[in-house]
């Protein structure tokens, strides 16, 4: 962030009686608590959403057989509870 933006945030923090880092933490907690609203109206919207997720996350998702193997091993080792 540039100096002007940092100072603007710092002013807002001071108005609330918070340090800049406390103000950022408060803002982040509020943001995380807000529900994410997806406006998926069409199949194309859904496909675009999944593509965006794939680009953001990278890597590959394990196949179902691998997921099932992990679950079964967990049940054998720890039980289903």
PDB file of N, CA and C in Angstrom:
ATOM      1  N   UNK A   1       0.846  -1.173   0.000  1.00  0.00           N
ATOM      2  CA  UNK A   1       0.000   0.000   0.000  1.00  0.00           C
ATOM      3  C   UNK A   1       0.884   1.226   0.000  1.00  0.00           C
ATOM      4  N   UNK A   2       0.413   2.277  -0.599  1.00  0.00           N
ATOM      5  CA  UNK A   2       1.230   3.487  -0.631  1.00  0.00           C
ATOM      6  C   UNK A   2       1.052   4.284   0.662  1.00  0.00           C
ATOM      7  N   UNK A   3       1.872   5.316   0.829  1.00  0.00           N
ATOM      8  CA  UNK A   3       1.863   6.096   2.075  1.00  0.00           C
ATOM      9  C   UNK A   3       0.522   6.779   2.318  1.00  0.00           C
ATOM     10  N   UNK A   4      -0.095   7.290   1.258  1.00  0.00           N
ATOM     11  CA  UNK A   4      -1.383   7.990   1.412  1.00  0.00           C
ATOM     12  C   UNK A   4      -2.464   7.033   1.903  1.00  0.00           C
ATOM     13  N   UNK A   5      -2.485   5.842   1.334  1.00  0.00           N
ATOM     14  CA  UNK A   5      -3.481   4.857   1.753  1.00  0.00           C
ATOM     15  C   UNK A   5      -3.234   4.432   3.203  1.00  0.00           C
ATOM     16  N   UNK A   6      -1.972   4.203   3.538  1.00  0.00           N
ATOM     17  CA  UNK A   6      -1.627   3.822   4.903  1.00  0.00           C
ATOM     18  C   UNK A   6      -2.068   4.902   5.890  1.00  0.00           C
ATOM     19  N   UNK A   7      -1.820   6.159   5.557  1.00  0.00           N
ATOM     20  CA  UNK A   7      -2.213   7.251   6.458  1.00  0.00           C
ATOM     21  C   UNK A   7      -3.729   7.348   6.583  1.00  0.00           C
ATOM     22  N   UNK A   8      -4.431   7.140   5.490  1.00  0.00           N
ATOM     23  CA  UNK A   8      -5.902   7.162   5.554  1.00  0.00           C
ATOM     24  C   UNK A   8      -6.406   6.079   6.490  1.00  0.00           C
ATOM     25  N   UNK A   9      -5.845   4.858   6.383  1.00  0.00           N
ATOM     26  CA  UNK A   9      -6.240   3.769   7.276  1.00  0.00           C
ATOM     27  C   UNK A   9      -5.878   4.099   8.721  1.00  0.00           C
ATOM     28  N   UNK A  10      -4.691   4.674   8.924  1.00  0.00           N
ATOM     29  CA  UNK A  10      -4.246   5.011  10.276  1.00  0.00           C
ATOM     30  C   UNK A  10      -5.182   6.044  10.904  1.00  0.00           C
ATOM     31  N   UNK A  11      -5.633   7.033  10.130  1.00  0.00           N
ATOM     32  CA  UNK A  11      -6.591   8.032  10.644  1.00  0.00           C
ATOM     33  C   UNK A  11      -7.876   7.358  11.103  1.00  0.00           C
ATOM     34  N   UNK A  12      -8.389   6.432  10.275  1.00  0.00           N
ATOM     35  CA  UNK A  12      -9.612   5.716  10.648  1.00  0.00           C
ATOM     36  C   UNK A  12      -9.397   4.908  11.925  1.00  0.00           C
ATOM     37  N   UNK A  13      -8.236   4.284  12.037  1.00  0.00           N
ATOM     38  CA  UNK A  13      -7.919   3.498  13.237  1.00  0.00           C
ATOM     39  C   UNK A  13      -7.909   4.397  14.467  1.00  0.00           C
ATOM     40  N   UNK A  14      -7.263   5.562  14.360  1.00  0.00           N
ATOM     41  CA  UNK A  14      -7.194   6.487  15.504  1.00  0.00           C
ATOM     42  C   UNK A  14      -8.584   6.953  15.916  1.00  0.00           C
ATOM     43  N   UNK A  15      -9.470   7.184  14.941  1.00  0.00           N
ATOM     44  CA  UNK A  15     -10.841   7.597  15.259  1.00  0.00           C
ATOM     45  C   UNK A  15     -11.533   6.567  16.143  1.00  0.00           C
ATOM     46  N   UNK A  16     -11.178   5.292  15.951  1.00  0.00           N
ATOM     47  CA  UNK A  16     -11.774   4.210  16.727  1.00  0.00           C
ATOM     48  C   UNK A  16     -10.949   3.863  17.958  1.00  0.00           C
ATOM     49  N   UNK A  17      -9.868   4.610  18.172  1.00  0.00           N
ATOM     50  CA  UNK A  17      -9.021   4.354  19.331  1.00  0.00           C
ATOM     51  C   UNK A  17      -8.221   3.070  19.213  1.00  0.00           C
ATOM     52  N   UNK A  18      -7.889   2.682  17.990  1.00  0.00           N
ATOM     53  CA  UNK A  18      -7.162   1.433  17.750  1.00  0.00           C
ATOM     54  C   UNK A  18      -5.826   1.709  17.085  1.00  0.00           C
ATOM     55  N   UNK A  19      -4.890   0.804  17.300  1.00  0.00           N
ATOM     56  CA  UNK A  19      -3.658   0.848  16.515  1.00  0.00           C
ATOM     57  C   UNK A  19      -4.014   0.416  15.097  1.00  0.00           C
ATOM     58  N   UNK A  20      -3.130   0.702  14.169  1.00  0.00           N
ATOM     59  CA  UNK A  20      -3.394   0.320  12.785  1.00  0.00           C
ATOM     60  C   UNK A  20      -3.517  -1.192  12.655  1.00  0.00           C
ATOM     61  N   UNK A  21      -2.634  -1.940  13.326  1.00  0.00           N
ATOM     62  CA  UNK A  21      -2.714  -3.403  13.217  1.00  0.00           C
ATOM     63  C   UNK A  21      -4.000  -3.935  13.851  1.00  0.00           C
ATOM     64  N   UNK A  22      -4.426  -3.357  14.972  1.00  0.00           N
ATOM     65  CA  UNK A  22      -5.694  -3.792  15.588  1.00  0.00           C
ATOM     66  C   UNK A  22      -6.864  -3.457  14.671  1.00  0.00           C
ATOM     67  N   UNK A  23      -6.799  -2.317  14.005  1.00  0.00           N
ATOM     68  CA  UNK A  23      -7.865  -1.923  13.089  1.00  0.00           C
ATOM     69  C   UNK A  23      -7.951  -2.891  11.908  1.00  0.00           C
ATOM     70  N   UNK A  24      -6.770  -3.280  11.370  1.00  0.00           N
ATOM     71  CA  UNK A  24      -6.756  -4.261  10.282  1.00  0.00           C
ATOM     72  C   UNK A  24      -7.320  -5.603  10.740  1.00  0.00           C
ATOM     73  N   UNK A  25      -6.935  -6.051  11.946  1.00  0.00           N
ATOM     74  CA  UNK A  25      -7.464  -7.327  12.451  1.00  0.00           C
ATOM     75  C   UNK A  25      -8.980  -7.266  12.596  1.00  0.00           C
ATOM     76  N   UNK A  26      -9.477  -6.143  13.143  1.00  0.00           N
ATOM     77  CA  UNK A  26     -10.931  -5.980  13.299  1.00  0.00           C
ATOM     78  C   UNK A  26     -11.627  -6.025  11.935  1.00  0.00           C
ATOM     79  N   UNK A  27     -11.058  -5.318  10.956  1.00  0.00           N
ATOM     80  CA  UNK A  27     -11.646  -5.311   9.610  1.00  0.00           C
ATOM     81  C   UNK A  27     -11.628  -6.707   9.000  1.00  0.00           C
ATOM     82  N   UNK A  28     -10.531  -7.424   9.191  1.00  0.00           N
ATOM     83  CA  UNK A  28     -10.423  -8.778   8.636  1.00  0.00           C
ATOM     84  C   UNK A  28     -11.436  -9.706   9.287  1.00  0.00           C
ATOM     85  N   UNK A  29     -11.592  -9.617  10.609  1.00  0.00           N
ATOM     86  CA  UNK A  29     -12.581 -10.478  11.297  1.00  0.00           C
ATOM     87  C   UNK A  29     -13.994 -10.191  10.812  1.00  0.00           C
ATOM     88  N   UNK A  30     -14.309  -8.908  10.633  1.00  0.00           N
ATOM     89  CA  UNK A  30     -15.640  -8.546  10.133  1.00  0.00           C
ATOM     90  C   UNK A  30     -15.849  -9.091   8.725  1.00  0.00           C
ATOM     91  N   UNK A  31     -14.828  -9.014   7.908  1.00  0.00           N
ATOM     92  CA  UNK A  31     -14.935  -9.504   6.526  1.00  0.00           C
ATOM     93  C   UNK A  31     -15.143 -11.011   6.488  1.00  0.00           C
ATOM     94  N   UNK A  32     -14.434 -11.731   7.349  1.00  0.00           N
ATOM     95  CA  UNK A  32     -14.550 -13.187   7.377  1.00  0.00           C
ATOM     96  C   UNK A  32     -15.933 -13.606   7.859  1.00  0.00           C
ATOM     97  N   UNK A  33     -16.526 -12.838   8.763  1.00  0.00           N
ATOM     98  CA  UNK A  33     -17.860 -13.189   9.286  1.00  0.00           C
ATOM     99  C   UNK A  33     -18.972 -12.946   8.271  1.00  0.00           C
ATOM    100  N   UNK A  34     -18.730 -12.043   7.312  1.00  0.00           N
ATOM    101  CA  UNK A  34     -19.747 -11.746   6.309  1.00  0.00           C
ATOM    102  C   UNK A  34     -19.936 -12.920   5.365  1.00  0.00           C
ATOM    103  N   UNK A  35     -21.168 -13.315   5.123  1.00  0.00           N
ATOM    104  CA  UNK A  35     -21.368 -14.418   4.178  1.00  0.00           C
ATOM    105  C   UNK A  35     -20.991 -13.988   2.762  1.00  0.00           C
ATOM    106  N   UNK A  36     -20.459 -14.929   2.040  1.00  0.00           N
ATOM    107  CA  UNK A  36     -20.121 -14.681   0.644  1.00  0.00           C
ATOM    108  C   UNK A  36     -21.381 -14.900  -0.182  1.00  0.00           C
ATOM    109  N   UNK A  37     -21.696 -13.936  -0.994  1.00  0.00           N
ATOM    110  CA  UNK A  37     -22.892 -14.030  -1.809  1.00  0.00           C
ATOM    111  C   UNK A  37     -22.491 -14.320  -3.255  1.00  0.00           C
ATOM    112  N   UNK A  38     -22.845 -15.492  -3.713  1.00  0.00           N
ATOM    113  CA  UNK A  38     -22.585 -15.841  -5.102  1.00  0.00           C
ATOM    114  C   UNK A  38     -23.883 -15.691  -5.885  1.00  0.00           C
ATOM    115  N   UNK A  39     -23.803 -15.017  -6.982  1.00  0.00           N
ATOM    116  CA  UNK A  39     -24.977 -14.827  -7.822  1.00  0.00           C
ATOM    117  C   UNK A  39     -24.835 -15.720  -9.042  1.00  0.00           C
ATOM    118  N   UNK A  40     -25.013 -17.012  -8.828  1.00  0.00           N
ATOM    119  CA  UNK A  40     -24.876 -17.986  -9.902  1.00  0.00           C
ATOM    120  C   UNK A  40     -26.261 -18.258 -10.482  1.00  0.00           C
ATOM    121  N   UNK A  41     -26.483 -17.735 -11.664  1.00  0.00           N
ATOM    122  CA  UNK A  41     -27.793 -17.840 -12.291  1.00  0.00           C
ATOM    123  C   UNK A  41     -27.838 -18.879 -13.406  1.00  0.00           C
ATOM    124  N   UNK A  42     -26.688 -19.134 -14.007  1.00  0.00           N
ATOM    125  CA  UNK A  42     -26.665 -20.008 -15.172  1.00  0.00           C
ATOM    126  C   UNK A  42     -25.558 -21.053 -15.023  1.00  0.00           C
ATOM    127  N   UNK A  43     -25.596 -22.033 -15.899  1.00  0.00           N
ATOM    128  CA  UNK A  43     -24.531 -23.030 -15.937  1.00  0.00           C
ATOM    129  C   UNK A  43     -23.197 -22.347 -16.247  1.00  0.00           C
ATOM    130  N   UNK A  44     -23.231 -21.353 -17.108  1.00  0.00           N
ATOM    131  CA  UNK A  44     -22.009 -20.628 -17.456  1.00  0.00           C
ATOM    132  C   UNK A  44     -21.432 -19.907 -16.240  1.00  0.00           C
ATOM    133  N   UNK A  45     -22.302 -19.330 -15.389  1.00  0.00           N
ATOM    134  CA  UNK A  45     -21.843 -18.686 -14.155  1.00  0.00           C
ATOM    135  C   UNK A  45     -21.128 -19.698 -13.258  1.00  0.00           C
ATOM    136  N   UNK A  46     -21.720 -20.880 -13.141  1.00  0.00           N
ATOM    137  CA  UNK A  46     -21.136 -21.926 -12.308  1.00  0.00           C
ATOM    138  C   UNK A  46     -19.799 -22.384 -12.874  1.00  0.00           C
ATOM    139  N   UNK A  47     -19.725 -22.581 -14.174  1.00  0.00           N
ATOM    140  CA  UNK A  47     -18.471 -22.985 -14.805  1.00  0.00           C
ATOM    141  C   UNK A  47     -17.394 -21.917 -14.606  1.00  0.00           C
ATOM    142  N   UNK A  48     -17.765 -20.651 -14.741  1.00  0.00           N
ATOM    143  CA  UNK A  48     -16.806 -19.562 -14.541  1.00  0.00           C
ATOM    144  C   UNK A  48     -16.324 -19.525 -13.092  1.00  0.00           C
ATOM    145  N   UNK A  49     -17.234 -19.777 -12.153  1.00  0.00           N
ATOM    146  CA  UNK A  49     -16.856 -19.817 -10.732  1.00  0.00           C
ATOM    147  C   UNK A  49     -15.830 -20.914 -10.481  1.00  0.00           C
ATOM    148  N   UNK A  50     -16.095 -22.117 -10.986  1.00  0.00           N
ATOM    149  CA  UNK A  50     -15.159 -23.226 -10.779  1.00  0.00           C
ATOM    150  C   UNK A  50     -13.817 -22.952 -11.460  1.00  0.00           C
ATOM    151  N   UNK A  51     -13.834 -22.333 -12.619  1.00  0.00           N
ATOM    152  CA  UNK A  51     -12.590 -21.992 -13.302  1.00  0.00           C
ATOM    153  C   UNK A  51     -11.785 -20.978 -12.481  1.00  0.00           C
ATOM    154  N   UNK A  52     -12.466 -19.983 -11.938  1.00  0.00           N
ATOM    155  CA  UNK A  52     -11.797 -18.988 -11.092  1.00  0.00           C
ATOM    156  C   UNK A  52     -11.165 -19.664  -9.869  1.00  0.00           C
ATOM    157  N   UNK A  53     -11.898 -20.577  -9.256  1.00  0.00           N
ATOM    158  CA  UNK A  53     -11.371 -21.305  -8.094  1.00  0.00           C
ATOM    159  C   UNK A  53     -10.141 -22.118  -8.479  1.00  0.00           C
ATOM    160  N   UNK A  54     -10.205 -22.801  -9.613  1.00  0.00           N
ATOM    161  CA  UNK A  54      -9.092 -23.631 -10.065  1.00  0.00           C
ATOM    162  C   UNK A  54      -7.850 -22.781 -10.316  1.00  0.00           C
ATOM    163  N   UNK A  55      -8.024 -21.619 -10.913  1.00  0.00           N
ATOM    164  CA  UNK A  55      -6.884 -20.741 -11.181  1.00  0.00           C
ATOM    165  C   UNK A  55      -6.316 -20.183  -9.880  1.00  0.00           C
ATOM    166  N   UNK A  56      -7.175 -19.850  -8.952  1.00  0.00           N
ATOM    167  CA  UNK A  56      -6.733 -19.269  -7.687  1.00  0.00           C
ATOM    168  C   UNK A  56      -6.020 -20.297  -6.828  1.00  0.00           C
ATOM    169  N   UNK A  57      -6.547 -21.502  -6.748  1.00  0.00           N
ATOM    170  CA  UNK A  57      -6.018 -22.519  -5.847  1.00  0.00           C
ATOM    171  C   UNK A  57      -4.854 -23.297  -6.435  1.00  0.00           C
ATOM    172  N   UNK A  58      -4.866 -23.526  -7.717  1.00  0.00           N
ATOM    173  CA  UNK A  58      -3.790 -24.299  -8.331  1.00  0.00           C
ATOM    174  C   UNK A  58      -3.819 -25.744  -7.872  1.00  0.00           C
ATOM    175  N   UNK A  59      -2.837 -26.512  -8.319  1.00  0.00           N
ATOM    176  CA  UNK A  59      -2.763 -27.913  -7.924  1.00  0.00           C
ATOM    177  C   UNK A  59      -3.856 -28.733  -8.562  1.00  0.00           C
ATOM    178  N   UNK A  60      -3.952 -29.969  -8.117  1.00  0.00           N
ATOM    179  CA  UNK A  60      -4.998 -30.847  -8.633  1.00  0.00           C
ATOM    180  C   UNK A  60      -5.766 -31.448  -7.472  1.00  0.00           C
ATOM    181  N   UNK A  61      -7.012 -31.646  -7.673  1.00  0.00           N
ATOM    182  CA  UNK A  61      -7.875 -32.260  -6.662  1.00  0.00           C
ATOM    183  C   UNK A  61      -7.739 -33.770  -6.772  1.00  0.00           C
ATOM    184  N   UNK A  62      -7.530 -34.455  -5.654  1.00  0.00           N
ATOM    185  CA  UNK A  62      -7.451 -35.919  -5.710  1.00  0.00           C
ATOM    186  C   UNK A  62      -8.759 -36.508  -6.237  1.00  0.00           C
ATOM    187  N   UNK A  63      -8.645 -37.650  -6.879  1.00  0.00           N
ATOM    188  CA  UNK A  63      -9.833 -38.333  -7.368  1.00  0.00           C
ATOM    189  C   UNK A  63     -10.604 -38.979  -6.216  1.00  0.00           C
ATOM    190  N   UNK A  64     -11.810 -39.449  -6.532  1.00  0.00           N
ATOM    191  CA  UNK A  64     -12.660 -40.036  -5.512  1.00  0.00           C
ATOM    192  C   UNK A  64     -12.002 -41.247  -4.847  1.00  0.00           C
ATOM    193  N   UNK A  65     -11.311 -42.061  -5.610  1.00  0.00           N
ATOM    194  CA  UNK A  65     -10.654 -43.245  -5.041  1.00  0.00           C
ATOM    195  C   UNK A  65      -9.661 -42.860  -3.949  1.00  0.00           C
ATOM    196  N   UNK A  66      -8.904 -41.799  -4.172  1.00  0.00           N
ATOM    197  CA  UNK A  66      -7.955 -41.350  -3.151  1.00  0.00           C
ATOM    198  C   UNK A  66      -8.679 -40.824  -1.912  1.00  0.00           C
ATOM    199  N   UNK A  67      -9.756 -40.057  -2.103  1.00  0.00           N
ATOM    200  CA  UNK A  67     -10.548 -39.573  -0.962  1.00  0.00           C
ATOM    201  C   UNK A  67     -11.082 -40.769  -0.163  1.00  0.00           C
ATOM    202  N   UNK A  68     -11.627 -41.723  -0.863  1.00  0.00           N
ATOM    203  CA  UNK A  68     -12.203 -42.901  -0.211  1.00  0.00           C
ATOM    204  C   UNK A  68     -11.131 -43.665   0.562  1.00  0.00           C
ATOM    205  N   UNK A  69      -9.960 -43.807   0.000  1.00  0.00           N
ATOM    206  CA  UNK A  69      -8.861 -44.492   0.661  1.00  0.00           C
ATOM    207  C   UNK A  69      -8.470 -43.785   1.960  1.00  0.00           C
ATOM    208  N   UNK A  70      -8.399 -42.474   1.922  1.00  0.00           N
ATOM    209  CA  UNK A  70      -8.067 -41.698   3.127  1.00  0.00           C
ATOM    210  C   UNK A  70      -9.140 -41.893   4.191  1.00  0.00           C
ATOM    211  N   UNK A  71     -10.405 -41.841   3.792  1.00  0.00           N
ATOM    212  CA  UNK A  71     -11.508 -42.056   4.753  1.00  0.00           C
ATOM    213  C   UNK A  71     -11.447 -43.448   5.366  1.00  0.00           C
ATOM    214  N   UNK A  72     -11.247 -44.452   4.524  1.00  0.00           N
ATOM    215  CA  UNK A  72     -11.197 -45.824   5.029  1.00  0.00           C
ATOM    216  C   UNK A  72     -10.029 -46.026   5.991  1.00  0.00           C
ATOM    217  N   UNK A  73      -8.879 -45.474   5.676  1.00  0.00           N
ATOM    218  CA  UNK A  73      -7.722 -45.584   6.565  1.00  0.00           C
ATOM    219  C   UNK A  73      -8.001 -44.890   7.895  1.00  0.00           C
ATOM    220  N   UNK A  74      -8.647 -43.750   7.848  1.00  0.00           N
ATOM    221  CA  UNK A  74      -8.998 -43.042   9.078  1.00  0.00           C
ATOM    222  C   UNK A  74      -9.939 -43.872   9.942  1.00  0.00           C
ATOM    223  N   UNK A  75     -10.943 -44.502   9.331  1.00  0.00           N
ATOM    224  CA  UNK A  75     -11.870 -45.361  10.074  1.00  0.00           C
ATOM    225  C   UNK A  75     -11.148 -46.558  10.692  1.00  0.00           C
ATOM    226  N   UNK A  76     -10.246 -47.146   9.923  1.00  0.00           N
ATOM    227  CA  UNK A  76      -9.483 -48.297  10.448  1.00  0.00           C
ATOM    228  C   UNK A  76      -8.615 -47.871  11.638  1.00  0.00           C
ATOM    229  N   UNK A  77      -8.008 -46.723  11.509  1.00  0.00           N
ATOM    230  CA  UNK A  77      -7.074 -46.254  12.540  1.00  0.00           C
ATOM    231  C   UNK A  77      -7.802 -45.674  13.760  1.00  0.00           C
ATOM    232  N   UNK A  78      -8.808 -44.816  13.519  1.00  0.00           N
ATOM    233  CA  UNK A  78      -9.418 -44.041  14.610  1.00  0.00           C
ATOM    234  C   UNK A  78     -10.871 -44.378  14.884  1.00  0.00           C
ATOM    235  N   UNK A  79     -11.498 -45.160  14.034  1.00  0.00           N
ATOM    236  CA  UNK A  79     -12.925 -45.408  14.186  1.00  0.00           C
ATOM    237  C   UNK A  79     -13.720 -44.278  13.547  1.00  0.00           C
ATOM    238  N   UNK A  80     -15.007 -44.455  13.376  1.00  0.00           N
ATOM    239  CA  UNK A  80     -15.830 -43.471  12.683  1.00  0.00           C
ATOM    240  C   UNK A  80     -16.223 -42.274  13.543  1.00  0.00           C
ATOM    241  N   UNK A  81     -15.780 -42.221  14.781  1.00  0.00           N
ATOM    242  CA  UNK A  81     -16.168 -41.103  15.648  1.00  0.00           C
ATOM    243  C   UNK A  81     -15.042 -40.234  15.987  1.00  0.00           C
TER     244      UNK A  81
END
